[in-house]
Each structure stands twice: as C-alpha cells, then as structure tokens.
Amino acid sequence: MEKSVGGTIAALVIAGGFIGYKFYHKSEVAHDTLNEAQRVCVDCSTFKDNADYITGLCIMYHEDAFDHNYSVGGRRSSGRFDHDGYYVELFEAMAAHAAKDGRKDIAESLIALEHKVVRED
C-alpha cells in the first residue's frame, strides 16, 4: 500500500511540474507577444498623435486575443500560437473600441495596420 501511495504522490508532483512549466511558458510567450504588439502599433498611421490611447487599447485587448489564439499543447505536443488570428482579433477589438469612442480615424488606421501585419496565404 505504501508503494502505491508514494508512486501516486510522485506522479502528481511530476504532473504538477509539467503543467506548471506549460503555463510558465505560456506566460513568457504572452509577455513577448504583448511587447511585439506594442512595437507593431507604432506603425499605425495615427500612432504619433495618439500613442497613449493606442498603447492603452493594445494592453486592454491583448489578454483576450492571446488566450483565444494560444494553446498550451498536451503531453506530447508543444504550445501553439496563431499569430495571424491574434492580430486579427486584437486589431479588430481595438478598432471597434476606437469607433465606439468616436475615433473613426484611429479605427480605420488600425484596420489598415491589421491588413499590413496579417500574412496573406
């Protein structure tokens, strides 16, 4: 009986470590992706005069867009990130927010940036 309890505990510790590593890696990728997205936003035609607003939108919508487009993978597969899906979701959410705020110029420039960034197949 003691051997099965010890084995179970060891298996749980190993599984916990594995799961922890997967989520740690996801966190690193999320951080790097946000930094990249903020650098990409600088290419928005209205960024110069609206840097704080556009950066704020990027930060606001990053987490949801990232979570919808990143998979941690499984036991035998690594995490996957859909770069194009992320930028489509991010820029469309940012543009919708800008349009709602009456900032049509920013919304249009964000959609134009989306088209520039998302790779055509």
Protein backbone atom coordinates (compact mmCIF):
# COMPACT_ATOMS: atom_id res chain seq x y z
CA MET A 1 0.00 0.00 0.00
CA GLU A 2 2.81 2.44 0.86
CA LYS A 3 4.42 1.94 -2.53
CA SER A 4 1.23 2.84 -4.40
CA VAL A 5 0.73 6.00 -2.30
CA GLY A 6 4.35 7.03 -2.83
CA GLY A 7 4.06 6.35 -6.56
CA THR A 8 0.85 8.33 -6.77
CA ILE A 9 2.41 11.26 -4.96
CA ALA A 10 5.46 11.16 -7.24
CA ALA A 11 3.23 11.06 -10.31
CA LEU A 12 1.22 14.03 -9.05
CA VAL A 13 4.39 16.02 -8.37
CA ILE A 14 5.70 15.26 -11.87
CA ALA A 15 2.35 16.11 -13.48
CA GLY A 16 2.14 19.34 -11.47
CA GLY A 17 5.62 20.32 -12.56
CA PHE A 18 4.78 19.60 -16.18
CA ILE A 19 1.57 21.62 -16.05
CA GLY A 20 3.35 24.44 -14.24
CA TYR A 21 6.02 24.54 -16.93
CA LYS A 22 3.38 24.67 -19.69
CA PHE A 23 1.68 27.67 -18.08
CA TYR A 24 5.00 29.36 -17.30
CA HIS A 25 5.91 29.05 -20.98
CA LYS A 26 2.51 30.46 -21.96
CA SER A 27 3.12 33.43 -19.69
CA GLU A 28 6.52 34.10 -21.28
CA VAL A 29 5.03 33.92 -24.78
CA ALA A 30 2.17 36.23 -23.74
CA HIS A 31 4.63 38.80 -22.38
CA ASP A 32 6.79 38.67 -25.51
CA THR A 33 3.72 38.89 -27.73
CA LEU A 34 2.43 41.99 -25.94
CA ASN A 35 5.81 43.67 -26.35
CA GLU A 36 5.82 42.78 -30.05
CA ALA A 37 2.24 44.04 -30.49
CA GLN A 38 3.16 47.35 -28.88
CA ARG A 39 6.09 47.70 -31.30
CA VAL A 40 3.78 46.88 -34.22
CA CYS A 41 1.31 49.55 -33.10
CA VAL A 42 3.98 52.19 -33.69
CA ASP A 43 3.44 51.54 -37.42
CA CYS A 44 -0.18 52.69 -37.13
CA SER A 45 -0.58 55.86 -39.19
CA THR A 46 -2.26 57.69 -36.29
CA PHE A 47 0.14 56.48 -33.60
CA LYS A 48 2.33 59.57 -33.39
CA ASP A 49 -0.51 61.81 -32.19
CA ASN A 50 -2.36 59.09 -30.23
CA ALA A 51 0.40 56.93 -28.74
CA ASP A 52 -1.05 56.63 -25.23
CA TYR A 53 -4.56 55.86 -26.48
CA ILE A 54 -3.43 53.19 -28.96
CA THR A 55 -0.99 51.62 -26.49
CA GLY A 56 -3.76 51.53 -23.89
CA LEU A 57 -6.08 49.76 -26.30
CA CYS A 58 -3.36 47.26 -27.14
CA ILE A 59 -2.82 46.44 -23.48
CA MET A 60 -6.58 46.30 -22.84
CA TYR A 61 -7.36 43.76 -25.58
CA HIS A 62 -4.12 41.74 -25.62
CA GLU A 63 -5.01 39.16 -22.98
CA ASP A 64 -8.28 38.02 -24.57
CA ALA A 65 -6.80 37.93 -28.06
CA PHE A 66 -3.79 35.99 -26.81
CA ASP A 67 -5.84 33.49 -24.82
CA HIS A 68 -8.09 32.78 -27.80
CA ASN A 69 -5.11 32.14 -30.09
CA TYR A 70 -2.67 30.21 -27.87
CA SER A 71 -2.91 26.54 -26.99
CA VAL A 72 -0.65 25.12 -24.27
CA GLY A 73 -0.49 21.78 -26.07
CA GLY A 74 -0.55 18.38 -24.46
CA ARG A 75 1.77 15.73 -23.13
CA ARG A 76 3.37 15.13 -26.48
CA SER A 77 2.88 18.48 -28.16
CA SER A 78 4.23 21.92 -27.51
CA GLY A 79 2.22 25.11 -27.28
CA ARG A 80 0.84 26.65 -30.47
CA PHE A 81 0.26 30.31 -31.20
CA ASP A 82 -1.84 31.58 -34.10
CA HIS A 83 -0.01 34.80 -34.95
CA ASP A 84 -2.46 35.93 -37.61
CA GLY A 85 -5.53 35.08 -35.54
CA TYR A 86 -4.10 37.04 -32.64
CA TYR A 87 -3.51 40.19 -34.69
CA VAL A 88 -6.90 39.97 -36.39
CA GLU A 89 -8.68 39.69 -33.05
CA LEU A 90 -6.50 42.31 -31.36
CA PHE A 91 -6.76 44.98 -34.05
CA GLU A 92 -10.48 44.41 -34.65
CA ALA A 93 -11.22 44.80 -30.93
CA MET A 94 -9.04 47.91 -30.75
CA ALA A 95 -10.72 49.37 -33.86
CA ALA A 96 -14.20 48.64 -32.52
CA HIS A 97 -13.35 50.41 -29.28
CA ALA A 98 -11.91 53.41 -31.12
CA ALA A 99 -15.01 53.60 -33.34
CA LYS A 100 -17.23 53.44 -30.25
CA ASP A 101 -15.22 56.33 -28.81
CA GLY A 102 -15.86 58.33 -32.00
CA ARG A 103 -12.25 57.94 -33.18
CA LYS A 104 -13.00 56.77 -36.71
CA ASP A 105 -9.56 57.87 -37.92
CA ILE A 106 -7.84 55.59 -35.42
CA ALA A 107 -10.24 52.72 -36.11
CA GLU A 108 -9.53 52.91 -39.84
CA SER A 109 -5.78 53.10 -39.29
CA LEU A 110 -5.88 50.05 -37.02
CA ILE A 111 -7.76 48.03 -39.64
CA ALA A 112 -5.22 49.14 -42.25
CA LEU A 113 -2.43 48.01 -39.92
CA GLU A 114 -4.17 44.66 -39.43
CA HIS A 115 -4.15 44.13 -43.20
CA LYS A 116 -0.47 45.02 -43.32
CA VAL A 117 0.50 42.70 -40.47
CA VAL A 118 -1.63 39.64 -41.13
CA ARG A 119 0.05 37.40 -43.63
CA GLU A 120 -1.84 36.56 -46.76
CA ASP A 121 -1.70 32.88 -47.70
